Amino acid sequence: MTEMESKKGICIDDALDRIDLGRGQIFSIATMCLLWIGEGMQIFIFFYLPKALNDDWGTPADDLGWIDGAMFVGVAVGALIGGYTGDSYGRRPTLLFFVGLSVVSGLLCWWFATSFIHLLLARFVVGIGAGGFAPVSLSLTLEACPRRYKGRVALAVPGFAGAFGRVLTAALAEALYDTSYNPHYARFNWKGCIVICTIPFILGFCLGVYAISESARWLLVKGRSEEASDGLHNLALRNGTAHEFPKGTQLKKVEGDELEELNDFSWHRLFMEPLLTPLLLTSISHLCIAIAYFGMIFSLPVYLDVYGAAHGWTEEQKDLILVIVAVSEVPALMIAMWTIEIYGIGRRYTVIASMIGCGISCIIFNFHIVASALNNTYALVIPNFLGRGFAAAALITGNVYMAEMFPTGTRAAAASISRASGQLGAAFAPVAAGFLLVDYKQGDYGMWTKLQPLRVYVLFSIFSFLGAFLFYELGAETGGRHLADTEQDSIEQIEQAPDGSELRLSSTIKEILGDKRHATESEKEGLLKEMQAKDSSDDGWQAKQFEY
């Protein structure tokens, strides 16, 4: 440490870079993975339980939509509460509280859910727990990792862990309905499935009590610099890099006019400029892609039932297609993990390209008549495989982008609004698809009787393109930067590129017109010539990494 750093204090980003990624963060990341596995299992388990509930209670398939809706509403409510408490009272206590709530409510489903209404209420509470930990988990992951790792780790943890949870849910449902292994639900029934889906939360809570520490960045913003320094020193001890951050090392204090107000309440800052505009753009964009993502998840199984009935498919063939489409999220996230750190692409263009790719895939699927005429399943599987992968990459990368853009004092609240808007999209998707269904003579599936993809998937493509447009209009890139701690940091990310110079042209002209109000034509032409000269002297695009 230099003499100047010892006097003025070391920047928290530099401190994390010196401490590096090690055992201290690995245990925390493992905890987050367990929680996201549990979240994926709890949210998706009821997609597989209509038959079991009908066998037990005689519940019609249409009524199960209310249970799914209660879960999604609970997730949205929990996310909003968790975002506020995470910014106001700390990341760690908020995380442990909502995970504990998920454990208790999940276990209570075994005893409390004795009627449809009781089950509805229990699933609502489970949703509150599953939604409340999510924005705090994302904030903790970003704030605990060195700059060169934070984006990829924050994308990989909910992405891969959530996908693994959904795969485990499908395997659990397969075991539930396996007549040779579980005849007449002799080993376990649908209540047992819910309890099994609670196990990752139980493990995550136990590990989190030991492994999760309060965010040093949050402590620093709240003016508790000594606690932040001690927390980083403990992290360095776990990582074996205590010599890089000795005990008592001073941290550079965060400066900003709004810090005193953030100590009281974070939400009102989000609904004031300059944070309001990016909040609206990112939230609406997230809502759009969530409609497409969850809409495809809801719609494809029903369409396969109709298409399979017309072509004599077995249940195994339809299940295989669903598994193939679900696996698409893994390569999509791996590609996104690479592109988000590529200069010239970054988080922003990864999200935009993924949304556009999802929209194009949905349109292509509308030409499924080719598959019908040729009896070729490739024309059915490939567009859904690509669309599902693109949507998953856009959804998760958008969450990371939003959390990185907003300052520390409002980060969890902003992530919670993103999460809540996504859940509104998830709740809207099956309703919208349901109204676009018509009767079909080969079977009675209630509101899901027959899917007309020409109507439903065009709706998904429209929302995807709209989300891409809104994200493009935001014109900001969070890759290659330190996390924003103040509103001024967030403004800088919106106004200039990571190297401080290369803004997209439309934003530059808008900024000139916004500042001068009466920009002359010569000024506009001069700016265009300057940008064209810079482009002509460029050696060409290269896939180089961001420099932190």
Protein backbone atom coordinates (compact mmCIF):
# COMPACT_ATOMS: atom_id res chain seq x y z
CA MET A 1 0.00 0.00 0.00
CA THR A 2 1.36 3.42 -0.94
CA GLU A 3 1.76 6.30 1.52
CA MET A 4 -0.97 8.30 -0.25
CA GLU A 5 -3.41 5.39 0.03
CA SER A 6 -2.70 5.05 3.74
CA LYS A 7 -3.60 8.73 4.25
CA LYS A 8 -6.62 9.11 1.96
CA GLY A 9 -7.81 5.52 2.10
CA ILE A 10 -8.06 2.85 -0.56
CA CYS A 11 -10.98 2.65 -2.99
CA ILE A 12 -13.24 -0.30 -2.21
CA ASP A 13 -12.99 -1.58 -5.81
CA ASP A 14 -9.21 -1.61 -5.58
CA ALA A 15 -9.47 -3.37 -2.21
CA LEU A 16 -11.64 -6.13 -3.67
CA ASP A 17 -9.29 -6.49 -6.64
CA ARG A 18 -6.37 -6.99 -4.26
CA ILE A 19 -8.26 -9.44 -2.04
CA ASP A 20 -9.26 -11.30 -5.22
CA LEU A 21 -11.79 -14.10 -5.63
CA GLY A 22 -11.25 -16.93 -3.18
CA ARG A 23 -12.73 -19.17 -0.52
CA GLY A 24 -14.56 -16.31 1.19
CA GLN A 25 -16.64 -15.56 -1.88
CA ILE A 26 -16.90 -19.22 -2.94
CA PHE A 27 -18.90 -20.15 0.17
CA SER A 28 -21.14 -17.13 -0.37
CA ILE A 29 -21.62 -18.04 -4.03
CA ALA A 30 -22.44 -21.64 -3.05
CA THR A 31 -25.11 -20.31 -0.69
CA MET A 32 -26.61 -18.18 -3.45
CA CYS A 33 -26.62 -21.17 -5.81
CA LEU A 34 -28.58 -23.24 -3.31
CA LEU A 35 -31.11 -20.43 -2.92
CA TRP A 36 -31.57 -20.00 -6.66
CA ILE A 37 -31.97 -23.77 -7.08
CA GLY A 38 -34.72 -23.65 -4.47
CA GLU A 39 -36.32 -20.66 -6.17
CA GLY A 40 -36.37 -22.45 -9.52
CA MET A 41 -37.89 -25.57 -7.97
CA GLN A 42 -40.56 -23.76 -5.94
CA ILE A 43 -41.73 -21.58 -8.81
CA PHE A 44 -41.89 -24.32 -11.44
CA ILE A 45 -43.07 -27.33 -9.42
CA PHE A 46 -46.76 -26.53 -9.84
CA PHE A 47 -46.42 -26.65 -13.61
CA TYR A 48 -46.13 -30.44 -13.13
CA LEU A 49 -48.78 -31.03 -10.45
CA PRO A 50 -52.19 -30.63 -12.18
CA LYS A 51 -52.71 -34.40 -12.47
CA ALA A 52 -51.62 -35.10 -8.88
CA LEU A 53 -53.95 -32.45 -7.46
CA ASN A 54 -56.78 -33.69 -9.63
CA ASP A 55 -56.22 -37.24 -8.38
CA ASP A 56 -56.14 -36.08 -4.74
CA TRP A 57 -58.70 -33.28 -4.57
CA GLY A 58 -60.39 -33.40 -7.96
CA THR A 59 -59.10 -29.87 -8.67
CA PRO A 60 -59.76 -28.79 -12.29
CA ALA A 61 -56.69 -27.84 -14.31
CA ASP A 62 -58.03 -24.31 -14.85
CA ASP A 63 -58.10 -23.62 -11.11
CA LEU A 64 -54.38 -24.28 -10.81
CA GLY A 65 -53.78 -21.04 -12.67
CA TRP A 66 -54.88 -19.24 -9.50
CA ILE A 67 -52.17 -21.04 -7.51
CA ASP A 68 -49.52 -20.06 -10.06
CA GLY A 69 -50.85 -16.51 -10.01
CA ALA A 70 -50.70 -16.37 -6.20
CA MET A 71 -47.09 -17.54 -6.30
CA PHE A 72 -46.09 -14.89 -8.86
CA VAL A 73 -47.90 -12.13 -6.99
CA GLY A 74 -46.14 -13.24 -3.82
CA VAL A 75 -42.77 -13.11 -5.57
CA ALA A 76 -43.48 -9.58 -6.79
CA VAL A 77 -44.58 -8.40 -3.32
CA GLY A 78 -41.63 -10.09 -1.66
CA ALA A 79 -39.20 -8.54 -4.12
CA LEU A 80 -40.45 -5.03 -3.39
CA ILE A 81 -40.28 -5.56 0.37
CA GLY A 82 -36.87 -7.23 0.14
CA GLY A 83 -35.48 -4.42 -1.98
CA TYR A 84 -36.49 -1.79 0.54
CA THR A 85 -35.28 -3.68 3.61
CA GLY A 86 -32.05 -4.68 1.86
CA ASP A 87 -31.15 -1.04 1.24
CA SER A 88 -32.39 0.20 4.59
CA TYR A 89 -31.46 -2.50 7.10
CA GLY A 90 -28.71 -4.47 5.41
CA ARG A 91 -28.24 -7.22 2.86
CA ARG A 92 -27.45 -10.08 5.24
CA PRO A 93 -30.43 -9.85 7.67
CA THR A 94 -32.84 -9.35 4.77
CA LEU A 95 -31.49 -12.37 2.92
CA LEU A 96 -31.66 -14.67 5.96
CA PHE A 97 -35.14 -13.47 6.93
CA PHE A 98 -36.71 -14.18 3.55
CA VAL A 99 -34.90 -17.49 3.14
CA GLY A 100 -36.16 -18.50 6.59
CA LEU A 101 -39.67 -17.48 5.52
CA SER A 102 -39.34 -19.71 2.44
CA VAL A 103 -38.30 -22.64 4.64
CA VAL A 104 -41.15 -22.23 7.12
CA SER A 105 -43.86 -21.63 4.51
CA GLY A 106 -42.62 -24.50 2.34
CA LEU A 107 -42.75 -26.95 5.24
CA LEU A 108 -46.15 -25.66 6.35
CA CYS A 109 -47.59 -26.74 3.00
CA TRP A 110 -47.39 -30.31 4.33
CA TRP A 111 -49.70 -29.60 7.29
CA PHE A 112 -51.50 -26.36 6.47
CA ALA A 113 -52.55 -27.02 2.86
CA THR A 114 -55.70 -29.04 3.60
CA SER A 115 -57.92 -27.15 1.14
CA PHE A 116 -57.58 -25.17 -2.04
CA ILE A 117 -57.79 -21.81 -0.23
CA HIS A 118 -55.19 -22.85 2.32
CA LEU A 119 -52.87 -23.98 -0.48
CA LEU A 120 -53.41 -20.67 -2.27
CA LEU A 121 -52.38 -18.70 0.84
CA ALA A 122 -49.40 -20.96 1.52
CA ARG A 123 -48.08 -20.54 -2.00
CA PHE A 124 -48.48 -16.78 -1.73
CA VAL A 125 -46.26 -16.77 1.38
CA VAL A 126 -43.75 -19.08 -0.32
CA GLY A 127 -43.65 -16.55 -3.17
CA ILE A 128 -42.93 -13.69 -0.76
CA GLY A 129 -39.94 -15.58 0.60
CA ALA A 130 -38.65 -16.61 -2.82
CA GLY A 131 -39.02 -13.07 -4.16
CA GLY A 132 -37.60 -11.25 -1.16
CA PHE A 133 -34.16 -12.81 -1.22
CA ALA A 134 -33.56 -12.33 -4.97
CA PRO A 135 -32.67 -8.58 -5.20
CA VAL A 136 -30.49 -8.82 -2.09
CA SER A 137 -28.75 -11.93 -3.42
CA LEU A 138 -27.90 -10.15 -6.67
CA SER A 139 -26.64 -7.07 -4.81
CA LEU A 140 -24.48 -9.13 -2.45
CA THR A 141 -22.95 -11.09 -5.33
CA LEU A 142 -22.05 -7.96 -7.29
CA GLU A 143 -20.71 -6.12 -4.24
CA ALA A 144 -18.51 -8.97 -2.98
CA CYS A 145 -16.64 -9.85 -6.19
CA PRO A 146 -13.65 -8.13 -7.84
CA ARG A 147 -14.47 -6.02 -10.85
CA ARG A 148 -13.25 -8.46 -13.48
CA TYR A 149 -15.45 -11.26 -12.08
CA LYS A 150 -18.59 -9.54 -10.83
CA GLY A 151 -20.57 -9.50 -14.07
CA ARG A 152 -19.96 -13.12 -14.98
CA VAL A 153 -20.51 -14.41 -11.45
CA ALA A 154 -23.72 -12.40 -11.03
CA LEU A 155 -25.00 -13.79 -14.34
CA ALA A 156 -23.90 -17.39 -13.76
CA VAL A 157 -25.29 -17.85 -10.23
CA PRO A 158 -29.01 -17.21 -10.91
CA GLY A 159 -28.72 -18.44 -14.49
CA PHE A 160 -27.15 -21.86 -14.08
CA ALA A 161 -28.46 -22.52 -10.55
CA GLY A 162 -32.00 -21.58 -11.55
CA ALA A 163 -31.79 -23.76 -14.67
CA PHE A 164 -30.48 -26.66 -12.57
CA GLY A 165 -33.40 -26.20 -10.19
CA ARG A 166 -35.86 -26.42 -13.06
CA VAL A 167 -34.19 -29.62 -14.31
CA LEU A 168 -34.43 -31.12 -10.81
CA THR A 169 -38.11 -30.17 -10.75
CA ALA A 170 -38.73 -32.03 -14.01
CA ALA A 171 -36.88 -35.08 -12.66
CA LEU A 172 -38.93 -34.92 -9.44
CA ALA A 173 -42.17 -34.77 -11.42
CA GLU A 174 -41.03 -37.75 -13.49
CA ALA A 175 -40.48 -39.73 -10.28
CA LEU A 176 -43.86 -38.61 -8.94
CA TYR A 177 -45.73 -40.04 -11.91
CA ASP A 178 -43.55 -43.12 -12.40
CA THR A 179 -46.03 -45.96 -11.75
CA SER A 180 -43.28 -48.51 -11.19
CA TYR A 181 -41.38 -46.38 -8.65
CA ASN A 182 -44.30 -44.51 -7.04
CA PRO A 183 -47.51 -46.50 -7.66
CA HIS A 184 -50.60 -44.60 -6.52
CA TYR A 185 -48.28 -42.05 -4.85
CA ALA A 186 -47.19 -44.68 -2.32
CA ARG A 187 -43.72 -43.13 -1.76
CA PHE A 188 -44.66 -39.45 -1.92
CA ASN A 189 -47.45 -37.24 -3.24
CA TRP A 190 -47.63 -33.63 -4.41
CA LYS A 191 -47.16 -32.35 -0.86
CA GLY A 192 -43.96 -34.35 -0.64
CA CYS A 193 -42.79 -32.63 -3.84
CA ILE A 194 -43.26 -29.21 -2.25
CA VAL A 195 -41.30 -30.27 0.84
CA ILE A 196 -38.49 -31.67 -1.33
CA CYS A 197 -38.35 -28.34 -3.18
CA THR A 198 -37.77 -26.66 0.19
CA ILE A 199 -34.57 -28.63 0.90
CA PRO A 200 -32.26 -26.23 -1.06
CA PHE A 201 -33.60 -23.33 1.01
CA ILE A 202 -32.90 -25.25 4.24
CA LEU A 203 -29.33 -25.99 3.16
CA GLY A 204 -28.85 -22.44 1.92
CA PHE A 205 -30.07 -20.96 5.20
CA CYS A 206 -27.73 -23.14 7.27
CA LEU A 207 -24.74 -22.34 5.06
CA GLY A 208 -25.70 -18.66 4.82
CA VAL A 209 -25.61 -18.17 8.58
CA TYR A 210 -21.93 -19.15 8.44
CA ALA A 211 -20.84 -17.89 5.02
CA ILE A 212 -22.78 -14.67 4.34
CA SER A 213 -21.29 -11.42 5.64
CA GLU A 214 -22.73 -7.94 5.37
CA SER A 215 -21.80 -6.08 2.19
CA ALA A 216 -18.74 -3.89 2.83
CA ARG A 217 -19.86 -1.53 0.09
CA TRP A 218 -23.26 -1.06 1.71
CA LEU A 219 -21.61 -0.43 5.08
CA LEU A 220 -19.31 2.15 3.50
CA VAL A 221 -22.19 4.01 1.86
CA LYS A 222 -24.01 4.03 5.21
CA GLY A 223 -20.99 5.71 6.83
CA ARG A 224 -19.82 2.61 8.73
CA SER A 225 -16.33 2.59 7.26
CA GLU A 226 -14.66 0.80 10.18
CA GLU A 227 -17.09 -2.12 9.94
CA ALA A 228 -16.56 -2.20 6.18
CA SER A 229 -12.78 -2.34 6.64
CA ASP A 230 -13.08 -5.15 9.20
CA GLY A 231 -15.37 -7.09 6.90
CA LEU A 232 -12.93 -6.83 4.00
CA HIS A 233 -10.05 -7.90 6.26
CA ASN A 234 -12.00 -10.99 7.33
CA LEU A 235 -12.67 -11.73 3.66
CA ALA A 236 -8.94 -11.39 2.94
CA LEU A 237 -8.16 -13.81 5.78
CA ARG A 238 -10.49 -16.40 4.27
CA ASN A 239 -8.93 -15.90 0.84
CA GLY A 240 -5.37 -16.07 2.15
CA THR A 241 -4.60 -12.50 0.99
CA ALA A 242 -4.53 -10.74 4.36
CA HIS A 243 -1.23 -9.11 3.42
CA GLU A 244 -3.05 -7.25 0.65
CA PHE A 245 -5.58 -5.76 3.07
CA PRO A 246 -4.18 -5.62 6.64
CA LYS A 247 -6.46 -5.03 9.60
CA GLY A 248 -7.23 -1.35 10.15
CA THR A 249 -6.77 -0.36 6.51
CA GLN A 250 -8.68 2.82 5.77
CA LEU A 251 -11.23 2.86 2.99
CA LYS A 252 -11.85 5.89 0.84
CA LYS A 253 -15.16 7.35 1.91
CA VAL A 254 -18.00 7.67 -0.55
CA GLU A 255 -18.86 11.27 -1.27
CA GLY A 256 -22.25 12.45 -2.43
CA ASP A 257 -24.92 14.97 -1.47
CA GLU A 258 -27.61 12.30 -1.34
CA LEU A 259 -25.91 9.97 1.16
CA GLU A 260 -27.66 11.41 4.21
CA GLU A 261 -31.04 10.94 2.59
CA LEU A 262 -30.18 7.38 1.61
CA ASN A 263 -29.71 6.53 5.26
CA ASP A 264 -33.39 7.29 5.80
CA PHE A 265 -35.17 5.99 2.72
CA SER A 266 -33.97 4.74 -0.64
CA TRP A 267 -37.15 4.39 -2.69
CA HIS A 268 -37.95 8.05 -3.19
CA ARG A 269 -34.55 8.54 -4.85
CA LEU A 270 -35.51 6.04 -7.55
CA PHE A 271 -38.61 8.01 -8.50
CA MET A 272 -36.70 11.24 -8.97
CA GLU A 273 -34.51 12.23 -11.87
CA PRO A 274 -31.87 11.30 -12.92
CA LEU A 275 -32.72 7.74 -11.82
CA LEU A 276 -36.39 7.71 -12.84
CA THR A 277 -35.87 7.51 -16.61
CA PRO A 278 -33.44 4.57 -16.61
CA LEU A 279 -35.63 2.85 -14.01
CA LEU A 280 -38.68 3.08 -16.25
CA LEU A 281 -36.84 2.02 -19.40
CA THR A 282 -35.17 -0.99 -17.81
CA SER A 283 -38.27 -2.09 -15.89
CA ILE A 284 -40.60 -1.95 -18.90
CA SER A 285 -37.98 -3.69 -21.01
CA HIS A 286 -37.67 -6.41 -18.36
CA LEU A 287 -41.45 -6.77 -18.30
CA CYS A 288 -41.51 -7.28 -22.07
CA ILE A 289 -38.88 -10.01 -22.19
CA ALA A 290 -40.45 -11.75 -19.16
CA ILE A 291 -43.73 -12.00 -21.07
CA ALA A 292 -41.92 -13.65 -23.97
CA TYR A 293 -39.87 -15.99 -21.77
CA PHE A 294 -42.66 -17.24 -19.52
CA GLY A 295 -45.14 -17.19 -22.38
CA MET A 296 -43.04 -19.69 -24.31
CA ILE A 297 -42.69 -21.86 -21.20
CA PHE A 298 -46.47 -21.92 -20.73
CA SER A 299 -47.44 -22.25 -24.37
CA LEU A 300 -45.10 -24.88 -25.79
CA PRO A 301 -46.34 -27.85 -23.69
CA VAL A 302 -49.94 -27.14 -24.66
CA TYR A 303 -49.05 -26.79 -28.32
CA LEU A 304 -47.12 -30.06 -28.18
CA ASP A 305 -50.22 -31.79 -26.81
CA VAL A 306 -52.25 -30.59 -29.77
CA TYR A 307 -49.51 -31.12 -32.35
CA GLY A 308 -48.61 -34.49 -30.85
CA ALA A 309 -52.24 -35.63 -30.88
CA ALA A 310 -52.46 -34.81 -34.57
CA HIS A 311 -49.27 -36.74 -35.37
CA GLY A 312 -49.57 -39.64 -32.97
CA TRP A 313 -46.67 -38.68 -30.70
CA THR A 314 -46.04 -40.51 -27.46
CA GLU A 315 -45.60 -38.74 -24.12
CA GLU A 316 -41.90 -39.64 -24.20
CA GLN A 317 -41.44 -37.82 -27.52
CA LYS A 318 -43.14 -34.68 -26.22
CA ASP A 319 -41.14 -34.76 -22.99
CA LEU A 320 -37.92 -35.11 -24.98
CA ILE A 321 -38.71 -31.94 -26.94
CA LEU A 322 -39.43 -30.04 -23.72
CA VAL A 323 -36.10 -31.17 -22.26
CA ILE A 324 -34.20 -30.19 -25.42
CA VAL A 325 -35.78 -26.73 -25.41
CA ALA A 326 -35.11 -26.27 -21.68
CA VAL A 327 -31.42 -27.17 -22.14
CA SER A 328 -31.08 -24.19 -24.51
CA GLU A 329 -30.59 -21.89 -21.53
CA VAL A 330 -27.18 -23.41 -20.72
CA PRO A 331 -25.35 -22.56 -23.98
CA ALA A 332 -27.17 -19.23 -24.17
CA LEU A 333 -25.90 -18.21 -20.73
CA MET A 334 -22.38 -19.42 -21.53
CA ILE A 335 -22.30 -17.22 -24.61
CA ALA A 336 -23.71 -14.30 -22.64
CA MET A 337 -21.00 -14.75 -19.99
CA TRP A 338 -18.42 -14.23 -22.74
CA THR A 339 -20.07 -11.35 -24.60
CA ILE A 340 -20.86 -9.20 -21.55
CA GLU A 341 -17.13 -8.62 -21.01
CA ILE A 342 -16.30 -7.92 -24.67
CA TYR A 343 -15.61 -4.27 -25.38
CA GLY A 344 -18.07 -2.97 -27.97
CA ILE A 345 -20.74 -5.50 -26.96
CA GLY A 346 -20.98 -5.55 -23.19
CA ARG A 347 -24.14 -5.98 -21.16
CA ARG A 348 -26.22 -3.60 -23.21
CA TYR A 349 -25.79 -5.11 -26.66
CA THR A 350 -25.93 -8.64 -25.23
CA VAL A 351 -29.43 -7.87 -23.94
CA ILE A 352 -30.49 -6.09 -27.13
CA ALA A 353 -29.22 -8.86 -29.42
CA SER A 354 -30.84 -11.52 -27.23
CA MET A 355 -34.21 -9.76 -27.32
CA ILE A 356 -34.04 -9.36 -31.09
CA GLY A 357 -33.04 -13.00 -31.45
CA CYS A 358 -35.99 -14.06 -29.32
CA GLY A 359 -38.38 -11.98 -31.42
CA ILE A 360 -37.07 -13.40 -34.69
CA SER A 361 -37.27 -16.97 -33.35
CA CYS A 362 -40.90 -16.46 -32.32
CA ILE A 363 -41.78 -15.17 -35.78
CA ILE A 364 -40.03 -18.11 -37.43
CA PHE A 365 -42.01 -20.52 -35.27
CA ASN A 366 -45.20 -19.11 -36.76
CA PHE A 367 -44.21 -20.77 -40.02
CA HIS A 368 -44.55 -24.14 -38.28
CA ILE A 369 -46.88 -25.12 -41.12
CA VAL A 370 -43.71 -26.18 -42.93
CA ALA A 371 -43.13 -28.73 -40.16
CA SER A 372 -46.73 -29.94 -40.47
CA ALA A 373 -46.48 -30.35 -44.23
CA LEU A 374 -43.12 -32.12 -44.11
CA ASN A 375 -43.78 -33.93 -40.80
CA ASN A 376 -40.43 -32.52 -39.69
CA THR A 377 -39.96 -31.74 -36.00
CA TYR A 378 -36.79 -29.72 -36.60
CA ALA A 379 -38.85 -26.75 -37.77
CA LEU A 380 -40.71 -26.92 -34.45
CA VAL A 381 -37.80 -27.54 -32.08
CA ILE A 382 -35.12 -25.19 -33.45
CA PRO A 383 -37.09 -21.89 -33.23
CA ASN A 384 -38.24 -22.73 -29.69
CA PHE A 385 -34.72 -23.78 -28.70
CA LEU A 386 -33.28 -20.49 -29.95
CA GLY A 387 -36.13 -18.35 -28.63
CA ARG A 388 -35.98 -19.85 -25.13
CA GLY A 389 -32.19 -19.44 -24.98
CA PHE A 390 -32.25 -15.85 -26.22
CA ALA A 391 -35.02 -14.93 -23.76
CA ALA A 392 -33.19 -16.48 -20.81
CA ALA A 393 -29.96 -14.65 -21.67
CA ALA A 394 -31.80 -11.33 -22.01
CA LEU A 395 -33.74 -11.79 -18.79
CA ILE A 396 -30.78 -12.60 -16.55
CA THR A 397 -28.29 -10.24 -18.19
CA GLY A 398 -30.87 -7.46 -17.88
CA ASN A 399 -31.08 -8.10 -14.14
CA VAL A 400 -27.30 -7.75 -13.81
CA TYR A 401 -27.28 -4.62 -15.96
CA MET A 402 -29.96 -2.95 -13.87
CA ALA A 403 -28.27 -3.75 -10.57
CA GLU A 404 -24.93 -2.40 -11.82
CA MET A 405 -26.41 0.84 -13.09
CA PHE A 406 -28.01 2.08 -9.88
CA PRO A 407 -26.07 3.34 -6.84
CA THR A 408 -25.40 1.17 -3.81
CA GLY A 409 -27.99 2.89 -1.62
CA THR A 410 -30.79 2.06 -4.08
CA ARG A 411 -29.36 -1.04 -5.79
CA ALA A 412 -31.52 -3.63 -4.05
CA ALA A 413 -34.63 -1.47 -4.48
CA ALA A 414 -33.95 -1.08 -8.21
CA ALA A 415 -33.31 -4.82 -8.57
CA SER A 416 -36.56 -5.50 -6.71
CA ILE A 417 -38.55 -3.36 -9.14
CA SER A 418 -36.93 -5.24 -12.01
CA ARG A 419 -37.82 -8.52 -10.33
CA ALA A 420 -41.40 -7.40 -9.66
CA SER A 421 -41.90 -6.24 -13.25
CA GLY A 422 -40.64 -9.62 -14.46
CA GLN A 423 -43.16 -11.42 -12.25
CA LEU A 424 -45.95 -9.23 -13.61
CA GLY A 425 -44.86 -10.38 -17.05
CA ALA A 426 -44.88 -13.98 -15.85
CA ALA A 427 -48.42 -13.54 -14.51
CA PHE A 428 -49.61 -11.80 -17.68
CA ALA A 429 -48.13 -14.35 -20.10
CA PRO A 430 -50.47 -17.31 -19.40
CA VAL A 431 -53.50 -15.03 -19.25
CA ALA A 432 -52.66 -13.48 -22.63
CA ALA A 433 -51.97 -16.87 -24.16
CA GLY A 434 -55.18 -18.27 -22.66
CA PHE A 435 -57.35 -15.62 -24.33
CA LEU A 436 -55.78 -16.54 -27.67
CA LEU A 437 -56.91 -20.17 -27.49
CA VAL A 438 -59.88 -21.70 -29.25
CA ASP A 439 -61.72 -25.01 -28.93
CA TYR A 440 -60.13 -28.12 -30.32
CA LYS A 441 -62.04 -31.30 -31.10
CA GLN A 442 -59.39 -33.79 -29.97
CA GLY A 443 -59.49 -33.02 -26.26
CA ASP A 444 -60.71 -30.72 -23.54
CA TYR A 445 -57.84 -28.88 -21.84
CA GLY A 446 -59.96 -26.11 -20.38
CA MET A 447 -58.65 -22.65 -21.28
CA TRP A 448 -55.54 -24.33 -22.78
CA THR A 449 -57.49 -26.36 -25.32
CA LYS A 450 -55.74 -25.30 -28.52
CA LEU A 451 -52.88 -22.94 -29.13
CA GLN A 452 -52.70 -20.85 -32.27
CA PRO A 453 -49.03 -19.90 -32.48
CA LEU A 454 -49.63 -17.39 -35.25
CA ARG A 455 -51.42 -15.25 -32.68
CA VAL A 456 -49.55 -16.02 -29.46
CA TYR A 457 -45.96 -16.13 -30.69
CA VAL A 458 -46.40 -12.94 -32.69
CA LEU A 459 -47.41 -11.34 -29.38
CA PHE A 460 -44.17 -12.62 -27.83
CA SER A 461 -42.12 -11.28 -30.72
CA ILE A 462 -43.74 -7.84 -30.44
CA PHE A 463 -42.86 -7.62 -26.76
CA SER A 464 -39.31 -8.79 -27.47
CA PHE A 465 -38.74 -6.12 -30.12
CA LEU A 466 -40.29 -3.46 -27.88
CA GLY A 467 -37.96 -4.44 -25.03
CA ALA A 468 -34.93 -4.28 -27.33
CA PHE A 469 -35.94 -0.80 -28.50
CA LEU A 470 -36.31 0.51 -24.95
CA PHE A 471 -32.96 -0.94 -23.96
CA TYR A 472 -31.33 0.66 -26.99
CA GLU A 473 -32.82 4.03 -26.13
CA LEU A 474 -31.24 3.90 -22.70
CA GLY A 475 -27.82 4.20 -24.33
CA ALA A 476 -25.67 3.19 -21.35
CA GLU A 477 -23.09 0.46 -20.73
CA THR A 478 -22.16 -0.80 -17.27
CA GLY A 479 -19.34 -3.13 -18.30
CA GLY A 480 -15.76 -2.02 -17.69
CA ARG A 481 -16.73 0.22 -14.76
CA HIS A 482 -16.78 0.19 -11.01
CA LEU A 483 -20.13 -0.23 -9.31
CA ALA A 484 -22.00 3.03 -8.90
CA ASP A 485 -22.05 4.25 -5.29
CA THR A 486 -23.70 7.64 -5.84
CA GLU A 487 -26.15 9.18 -8.25
CA GLN A 488 -23.27 10.98 -9.94
CA ASP A 489 -21.68 7.61 -10.73
CA SER A 490 -24.92 6.45 -12.31
CA ILE A 491 -25.17 9.65 -14.37
CA GLU A 492 -21.65 9.14 -15.69
CA GLN A 493 -22.55 5.63 -16.81
CA ILE A 494 -25.56 6.97 -18.69
CA GLU A 495 -23.73 9.88 -20.32
CA GLN A 496 -20.46 8.30 -21.46
CA ALA A 497 -18.95 5.01 -22.54
CA PRO A 498 -16.51 3.02 -20.36
CA ASP A 499 -13.49 4.71 -21.94
CA GLY A 500 -15.08 8.13 -21.45
CA SER A 501 -15.34 8.95 -25.15
CA GLU A 502 -17.33 6.67 -27.44
CA LEU A 503 -21.02 7.45 -27.12
CA ARG A 504 -23.54 6.15 -29.62
CA LEU A 505 -24.22 8.91 -32.13
CA SER A 506 -27.91 9.40 -31.44
CA SER A 507 -27.24 9.95 -27.73
CA THR A 508 -24.46 12.42 -28.52
CA ILE A 509 -26.64 14.55 -30.77
CA LYS A 510 -29.49 14.43 -28.25
CA GLU A 511 -27.10 15.57 -25.53
CA ILE A 512 -25.96 18.53 -27.64
CA LEU A 513 -29.52 19.51 -28.47
CA GLY A 514 -30.48 19.07 -24.83
CA ASP A 515 -27.67 21.28 -23.59
CA LYS A 516 -27.71 24.04 -26.21
CA ARG A 517 -31.35 23.83 -27.28
CA HIS A 518 -30.40 25.73 -30.47
CA ALA A 519 -27.61 23.65 -32.01
CA THR A 520 -26.72 24.86 -35.49
CA GLU A 521 -26.59 22.67 -38.56
CA SER A 522 -22.84 23.25 -38.82
CA GLU A 523 -22.37 21.85 -35.30
CA LYS A 524 -24.32 18.76 -36.23
CA GLU A 525 -22.36 18.29 -39.46
CA GLY A 526 -19.08 18.81 -37.62
CA LEU A 527 -19.97 16.13 -35.13
CA LEU A 528 -20.91 13.72 -37.90
CA LYS A 529 -17.63 14.33 -39.74
CA GLU A 530 -15.67 13.83 -36.53
CA MET A 531 -17.36 10.50 -35.87
CA GLN A 532 -16.91 9.37 -39.49
CA ALA A 533 -13.21 10.27 -39.39
CA LYS A 534 -12.79 8.29 -36.21
CA ASP A 535 -14.54 5.30 -37.77
CA SER A 536 -12.35 5.45 -40.90
CA SER A 537 -9.17 5.47 -38.84
CA ASP A 538 -10.30 2.49 -36.79
CA ASP A 539 -8.44 -0.75 -37.42
CA GLY A 540 -11.64 -2.74 -37.19
CA TRP A 541 -13.58 -4.39 -34.45
CA GLN A 542 -11.73 -6.80 -32.21
CA ALA A 543 -13.08 -8.99 -29.42
CA LYS A 544 -11.06 -7.43 -26.65
CA GLN A 545 -11.96 -7.56 -22.98
CA PHE A 546 -12.99 -4.61 -20.84
CA GLU A 547 -10.14 -3.10 -18.87
CA TYR A 548 -10.89 -2.56 -15.18
